[in-house]
Amino acid sequence: MRLCTEYNQWEWEFKKEMYSWVTKAETRISNFGTVAATSEISDMNEFITKLKTEATTELIKWETKILDKLNKYFDQPEGHVYLVEGYREEFSNSIKSLRRQTERSVFNQITAAADIKEGLKELDKIRANYRGKIEKAVFALTDECRKKKAKMTNKKLDESFNKMWTETLKPLSFSKQHASDIYTSVFHQLQENLSPKGSQLLSEKSLKNCGLKPFTYKPKGLNQVTGWFTKYVKERQEIADSIISACNDCISDKIKRKTNYHDTYIQEILHIIDEKLNKAAVDTDIEFEVSLKQHICGSAARKFQKMHEDFIQENDPNRCLQKNKETFCTDFKDVFQERDQCQKKAEEFTKQRLKPAVENFICRSLGPDIVDKMLTKEEFSTRMSFHYSILLDLISKSDFNCFKSYIYSYEYYVKSWISERIRETFSSRSTVCQFEDKHLKFCIDHINAAINKAKTENTDSLKTFVENICIELCDKLGISQDALDTFMVLNNADQKQFAHWLNMCVEEMKEALREKLKNTEIDTKLSQLHVKPENELFSRVFGCGQQCPFCKIPCDAGGENHTRHFALLHRPWSLAQVGWDESNKLQTDICSSLVISNRYFHFSGTKGEYHPYKEYREIFPDWNIPPDVSLESSDYWKYVMAKYNKEFAEACKAQPADIPDSWRRITKEQAKKSLKESFYVK
């Protein structure tokens, strides 16, 4: 447990650091080709190669750092470290695996960001060209209006502007941006993923017709009237539901970014499916895999198609010009009437550029803060302390539906449980506001410093002045220089006065944001976070993801790449809906006693043949289930099964078990005591 605690902390530090690194890398990509760019490289491919080299260096640095910490842990003279010497290699492998997984994720993110940026290059040129034509036409109109002897009222200025706008845009060629067929792209990725094993099994049904209804597993060629068939289908349906839920979370995260589609998105989803299928406690055939992937990819393609079309529409040159028509008109009247634009332009820059960057920075930073805070709690210190806490909470609630959800929808229940703990911890608004105030102060301090630095650089134009502010903030706040040209169009503000008003606007923005954050509900804040705390915390307690092949209890071993799985507290395996006999009765046997009995088991893993429990390792060589004759440490699940025997039977569509009288006499306090003993809680 001590080693797991240490390792979990190292792992989180590594993840947090790489999250920060890739966020800055994405900002550098968005600024590529602008004055805010920090690299002299002009070719995007060369720039991405450079970023990947930097990422690899950072990854190796952290991998070495954690391996050194692991070795120092084992080199310490006290603490009975020799007792866990056998786990040194497994934790070392987990560190290397973490590095490989993170590298794949980082490379995918920067590749997608670069490709999307490059895809906008031509559109950016078109927008800049058309914007220049509008600006030129506005200056010509200004001169024309000034030459007129008649007084130009606001109404006449509006009429003149609208006429000019129509005449200027009429000859411009706004070729319609055609959306790509995302379904075809997704299908190609699916074919490639299945090519080594089952692409020929892909049905002729178009992906457009897949994923429209809830996924229902329907195996072929099996006797559908046996109890074994019911169990077989139930197990695989639960696996499918869990995988679909995880993929939907991933898809939602992508869509929230409001960016363009990239093939790495569906590759990531297919990787999630493969990883979860490999860790599934039951065997799944290729037909199951293909049908599940078709369902998920069909649903994903539908959502990604809409995301892509929304992105195309949002970046359409004509739409972008029309969206800024009112700004052009207002600026034209300001220039014509020689009005001071300083205050208005400072407000515009603050509202359009600084405020979104600050809000984005807070959302980006708050997630890791919440994870850090939760990790200070005892229940999240190790995987075993978490499992103890959640089992203790379950028995304290005395609610069968909670046990049912925990056993049959483990991931959903645990994530919900973690989310509830987060809400409880941050129910006092002062707790989360402390984090938000810290990040808000960081942003405001750096904005003011950037303005003050720009003042001292004696620039010859307002555009350069604003560019210098963006350059100073791009790495710190992730502020991009995109669309800065739109802000500078017809901008005749005095640099010194603009700086004065900008300082005033930043102060007003600070107070307005502080008030907004104070009045925002915790659920709303959690939904906006870039790093989802419940997912990060779940990945820590979920571990390798393996479950006992008999009772489906999660593995308690530390790290992810251990060679032997074990669980501290097995439960009656019929609760996993895989253990009732020909009489259709639930069974009270627990894995720890079954492995020293003369009984036999059979299911898909044994190809339907009976196999002795004593020789379970021939079928499941990666699992270690210590035999327990006394079963004194299992009072927890004895109590639960005795209390909810009828309810479990109904949920499993079976007959209630024959509960021993000794089980019925176990009290809740005795069950809690046995739980403490199982998890070594003092």
Foldseek 3Di string as FASTA:
>chain_A
DVLLLVLLVLLLVLVVVLLLLLLLLLLLLLQQPHPLHPDPDNDLVVVLVVSLVVLLVSLVVSLVVVLVVLVVVCVDPDDPSVVCPVCSVLSNVLSVVSSVVSSLVSSLSSVVSNVLSVVCVVLLVLLVVLLVLLLVLLVVLLVVVVPDPDDQDLVNLVVSLVVSVCVSCVVDDQDADDFDQLQVLLLVLLLVLCVVPDSVVQDPDGLLPAQPDDDADDDPDDDCPDLQNVLVRLLLSLLLVLLLVVLVVLLVLVLVVLGADDSVSSVVSVVSLVLSQVQRLDHDDPNSSNNSSSRSSSVSSVSNSVSNVSNSVVSRSVVVCVVCSVVSSVLSVCVSVVPACQLVLLLVCCVPFVLVLLVQQLLAPLLSVLLVVVCVDQLLSALLSVVLVVLLVVLVVPDVVLVLCCLRVVLVSQLVVVVVVSCVVCVPVVVSLVSSLVSLVVSLVQLLVQLVVLVVPPDPDLLVSVVSSCSSCCSPRVGHCPPVVVSCRSNPHDNVSNSVSNNVSSVVSSVVVSVVSSPDRPVVSQVSHSNRSSVSSCCRNQAQVHADSQQRHGFRDRRRRDQATEDLAWAQRCLSLNDDDPLQERERDTLQAQLPDQAWDDHVLNPRDTDRSVPCCVSVVRYDRHHDPVCLLHLQNLQVCLVCQVVSCVVSVGHGHDRDPVSPPDDSVSNSVSSCVSSVND
